[in-house]
Structures are given as structure tokens and as C-alpha cells.
N, C-alpha and C. Protein backbone atom coordinates (compact mmCIF):
# COMPACT_ATOMS: atom_id res chain seq x y z
N MET A 1 -3.94 5.94 5.80
CA MET A 1 -3.30 4.83 6.06
C MET A 1 -2.64 4.33 6.78
N THR A 2 -1.90 5.08 7.26
CA THR A 2 -1.63 5.24 8.64
C THR A 2 -2.32 4.65 9.05
N ALA A 3 -3.57 5.10 9.59
CA ALA A 3 -3.91 4.13 10.26
C ALA A 3 -4.85 2.74 10.46
N LEU A 4 -4.89 2.63 8.66
CA LEU A 4 -5.73 1.73 8.97
C LEU A 4 -4.19 0.00 9.07
N LEU A 5 -3.34 0.88 8.59
CA LEU A 5 -2.16 -0.09 8.68
C LEU A 5 -1.56 0.01 10.67
N ASP A 6 -1.71 1.11 11.26
CA ASP A 6 -1.76 0.75 13.11
C ASP A 6 -3.30 -0.24 13.20
N ALA A 7 -3.58 -0.35 12.64
CA ALA A 7 -4.95 -1.40 12.80
C ALA A 7 -5.14 -2.25 12.13
N GLY A 8 -4.04 -2.49 12.02
CA GLY A 8 -3.39 -4.46 11.17
C GLY A 8 -4.41 -4.36 9.46
N ALA A 9 -4.34 -3.89 9.32
CA ALA A 9 -4.20 -3.73 7.60
C ALA A 9 -3.59 -4.75 6.61
N ASP A 10 -3.21 -5.52 6.03
CA ASP A 10 -2.85 -6.12 5.45
C ASP A 10 -2.47 -5.73 3.78
N ALA A 11 -1.46 -4.85 3.40
CA ALA A 11 -0.91 -4.55 2.68
C ALA A 11 -0.60 -4.81 1.61
N SER A 12 0.08 -6.13 1.60
CA SER A 12 0.37 -7.36 1.05
C SER A 12 -0.64 -7.97 0.23
N ILE A 13 -1.50 -7.96 0.74
CA ILE A 13 -3.34 -8.17 0.13
C ILE A 13 -3.04 -8.12 -1.37
N ARG A 14 -3.53 -9.41 -2.66
CA ARG A 14 -3.86 -8.66 -4.10
C ARG A 14 -4.83 -8.67 -3.83
N ASP A 15 -5.02 -6.84 -5.10
CA ASP A 15 -6.66 -7.57 -5.72
C ASP A 15 -6.57 -7.97 -7.56
N ALA A 16 -7.80 -8.62 -7.70
CA ALA A 16 -7.87 -9.28 -9.05
C ALA A 16 -7.21 -9.44 -10.27
N SER A 17 -6.15 -8.09 -9.97
CA SER A 17 -5.31 -8.60 -11.06
C SER A 17 -3.64 -8.00 -10.69
N GLY A 18 -3.92 -8.55 -9.26
CA GLY A 18 -2.63 -9.49 -9.41
C GLY A 18 -1.60 -8.28 -8.16
N ARG A 19 -2.17 -6.75 -7.65
CA ARG A 19 -1.31 -5.88 -7.41
C ARG A 19 -1.57 -6.03 -6.18
N THR A 20 -0.11 -5.77 -5.59
CA THR A 20 -0.79 -4.90 -3.91
C THR A 20 -1.06 -3.63 -4.21
N ALA A 21 -1.31 -2.87 -3.22
CA ALA A 21 -1.32 -1.70 -2.19
C ALA A 21 0.04 -1.20 -3.15
N LEU A 22 0.85 -1.09 -2.46
CA LEU A 22 2.19 -0.73 -3.32
C LEU A 22 2.29 -0.85 -4.67
N ASP A 23 2.11 -1.12 -5.35
CA ASP A 23 1.89 -1.50 -7.06
C ASP A 23 1.01 -0.35 -7.11
N ASN A 24 0.32 -0.41 -7.08
CA ASN A 24 -1.37 0.87 -7.35
C ASN A 24 -1.09 2.55 -7.30
N ALA A 25 -0.22 2.39 -6.00
CA ALA A 25 0.45 2.98 -5.37
C ALA A 25 1.64 4.19 -6.37
N GLN A 26 2.26 3.39 -6.42
CA GLN A 26 3.02 3.54 -7.78
C GLN A 26 2.74 4.38 -8.65
N ARG A 27 2.04 3.37 -9.35
CA ARG A 27 1.26 3.28 -10.96
C ARG A 27 0.63 4.44 -11.15
N ARG A 28 0.26 4.42 -9.52
CA ARG A 28 -0.79 6.39 -9.80
C ARG A 28 -0.15 8.07 -9.09
N GLY A 29 1.16 7.57 -9.30
CA GLY A 29 1.35 8.62 -8.72
C GLY A 29 2.15 8.80 -7.14
N GLN A 30 1.21 7.99 -6.66
CA GLN A 30 0.63 8.70 -5.06
C GLN A 30 2.03 8.30 -4.00
N THR A 31 3.08 9.64 -4.55
CA THR A 31 4.02 9.89 -3.54
C THR A 31 4.13 9.51 -1.94
N ALA A 32 2.93 9.78 -1.68
CA ALA A 32 3.02 9.68 -0.15
C ALA A 32 3.38 8.37 0.58
N ILE A 33 1.31 7.50 -0.43
CA ILE A 33 1.40 6.59 0.11
C ILE A 33 2.43 5.27 0.12
N VAL A 34 2.69 5.24 -0.73
CA VAL A 34 4.26 5.23 -1.19
C VAL A 34 5.48 5.52 -0.10
N SER A 35 5.89 6.09 -0.03
CA SER A 35 6.30 6.10 1.60
C SER A 35 6.24 5.43 2.26
N ILE A 36 4.66 5.49 2.98
CA ILE A 36 4.36 4.88 3.91
C ILE A 36 4.56 3.62 3.60
N LEU A 37 3.84 2.82 2.33
CA LEU A 37 4.55 1.27 2.19
C LEU A 37 5.66 1.21 2.68
N GLU A 38 6.64 1.60 1.63
CA GLU A 38 8.17 0.97 2.14
C GLU A 38 7.86 1.51 3.19
N ALA A 39 7.99 2.13 4.12
CA ALA A 39 8.60 2.03 5.29
C ALA A 39 8.37 0.81 6.18
N ARG A 40 7.40 0.41 5.50
CA ARG A 40 6.63 -0.53 6.82
C ARG A 40 6.19 -2.00 6.27
N ASN A 41 7.66 -2.07 5.02
CA ASN A 41 7.59 -3.00 4.52
C ASN A 41 8.77 -3.85 4.96
């Protein structure tokens, strides 16, 4: 995740359900990803 964000990936893009990467990470209990995304927000 860090490499993607460092390369310019846009974490605010929404999927077909309208959810962001942060939304999906929170729903799936991926706490490390949530921490990374929140730190970049």
C-alpha cells in the first residue's frame, strides 16, 4: 500500500459501490492498511 501511495495512487477513488480504499479496509478489519491510509489523509 505504501509503495502504491508513494507512486501517486489516489486512495480517494471510489469503487462501484461508492466505497474508498479506507472504507473497504475498515470493513475488512485491515487495521494496518487503515493506519496507513489515515496517516496519508
